[in-house]
């Protein structure tokens, strides 16, 4: 969490702006049902990783989906 933006370096400010831009885009394009699942995430990276794990699944999920298709 940033307490004082004035004391950040140029690179830190740039990263801060990028983070909030990406976070804003992700929040804007999501329907409300999906937004409620990620509202507790604090970073854009954690939101992205959450969606990757939800939609991609781990090895066990992939196997279960494959079995259902057979």
Protein backbone atom coordinates (compact mmCIF):
# COMPACT_ATOMS: atom_id res chain seq x y z
CA UNK A 1 0.00 0.00 0.00
CA UNK A 2 1.29 3.42 -0.89
CA UNK A 3 1.11 5.97 1.88
CA UNK A 4 2.73 8.91 0.13
CA UNK A 5 2.90 9.05 -3.62
CA UNK A 6 5.18 12.11 -3.48
CA UNK A 7 8.11 10.15 -2.08
CA UNK A 8 7.98 7.44 -4.75
CA UNK A 9 10.68 7.28 -7.39
CA UNK A 10 9.84 7.72 -11.06
CA UNK A 11 9.91 3.96 -11.67
CA UNK A 12 7.72 3.26 -8.65
CA UNK A 13 5.18 5.87 -9.83
CA UNK A 14 5.16 4.31 -13.29
CA UNK A 15 4.51 0.84 -11.83
CA UNK A 16 1.80 2.27 -9.57
CA UNK A 17 0.00 3.82 -12.55
CA UNK A 18 0.33 0.62 -14.60
CA UNK A 19 -1.08 -1.47 -11.79
CA UNK A 20 -4.11 0.76 -11.36
CA UNK A 21 -4.72 0.97 -15.09
CA UNK A 22 -4.72 -2.83 -15.48
CA UNK A 23 -6.81 -3.28 -12.34
CA UNK A 24 -9.35 -0.76 -13.63
CA UNK A 25 -9.60 -2.46 -17.02
CA UNK A 26 -10.13 -5.87 -15.45
CA UNK A 27 -12.83 -4.54 -13.15
CA UNK A 28 -14.64 -2.64 -15.93
CA UNK A 29 -14.93 -5.55 -18.35
CA UNK A 30 -16.16 -8.12 -15.86
CA UNK A 31 -19.81 -8.89 -15.23
CA UNK A 32 -20.99 -8.44 -11.65
CA UNK A 33 -21.03 -12.18 -10.93
CA UNK A 34 -17.34 -12.47 -11.80
CA UNK A 35 -16.45 -9.21 -10.06
CA UNK A 36 -17.73 -10.50 -6.73
CA UNK A 37 -15.23 -13.36 -6.97
CA UNK A 38 -12.23 -11.03 -7.34
CA UNK A 39 -13.27 -8.08 -5.19
CA UNK A 40 -11.00 -9.22 -2.36
CA UNK A 41 -7.90 -9.36 -4.58
CA UNK A 42 -5.48 -6.50 -4.07
CA UNK A 43 -3.32 -6.66 -7.19
CA UNK A 44 -3.94 -7.09 -10.89
CA UNK A 45 -1.58 -10.06 -10.89
CA UNK A 46 -3.59 -11.85 -8.20
CA UNK A 47 -6.80 -11.21 -10.20
CA UNK A 48 -5.18 -12.64 -13.33
CA UNK A 49 -3.87 -15.69 -11.48
CA UNK A 50 -7.29 -16.26 -9.95
CA UNK A 51 -8.91 -16.30 -13.38
CA UNK A 52 -6.22 -18.56 -14.77
CA UNK A 53 -6.79 -21.10 -12.02
CA UNK A 54 -10.58 -20.82 -12.37
CA UNK A 55 -10.79 -21.25 -16.11
CA UNK A 56 -7.73 -23.33 -16.81
CA UNK A 57 -7.81 -25.56 -13.76
CA UNK A 58 -5.13 -27.84 -12.46
CA UNK A 59 -4.21 -31.26 -13.77
CA UNK A 60 -6.98 -33.05 -11.84
CA UNK A 61 -9.65 -30.71 -13.22
CA UNK A 62 -8.43 -31.24 -16.76
CA UNK A 63 -8.56 -35.02 -16.30
CA UNK A 64 -12.09 -34.84 -14.88
CA UNK A 65 -13.24 -32.71 -17.84
CA UNK A 66 -11.66 -35.17 -20.27
CA UNK A 67 -13.42 -38.09 -18.59
CA UNK A 68 -16.75 -36.30 -18.87
CA UNK A 69 -16.22 -35.82 -22.59
CA UNK A 70 -15.56 -39.53 -23.20
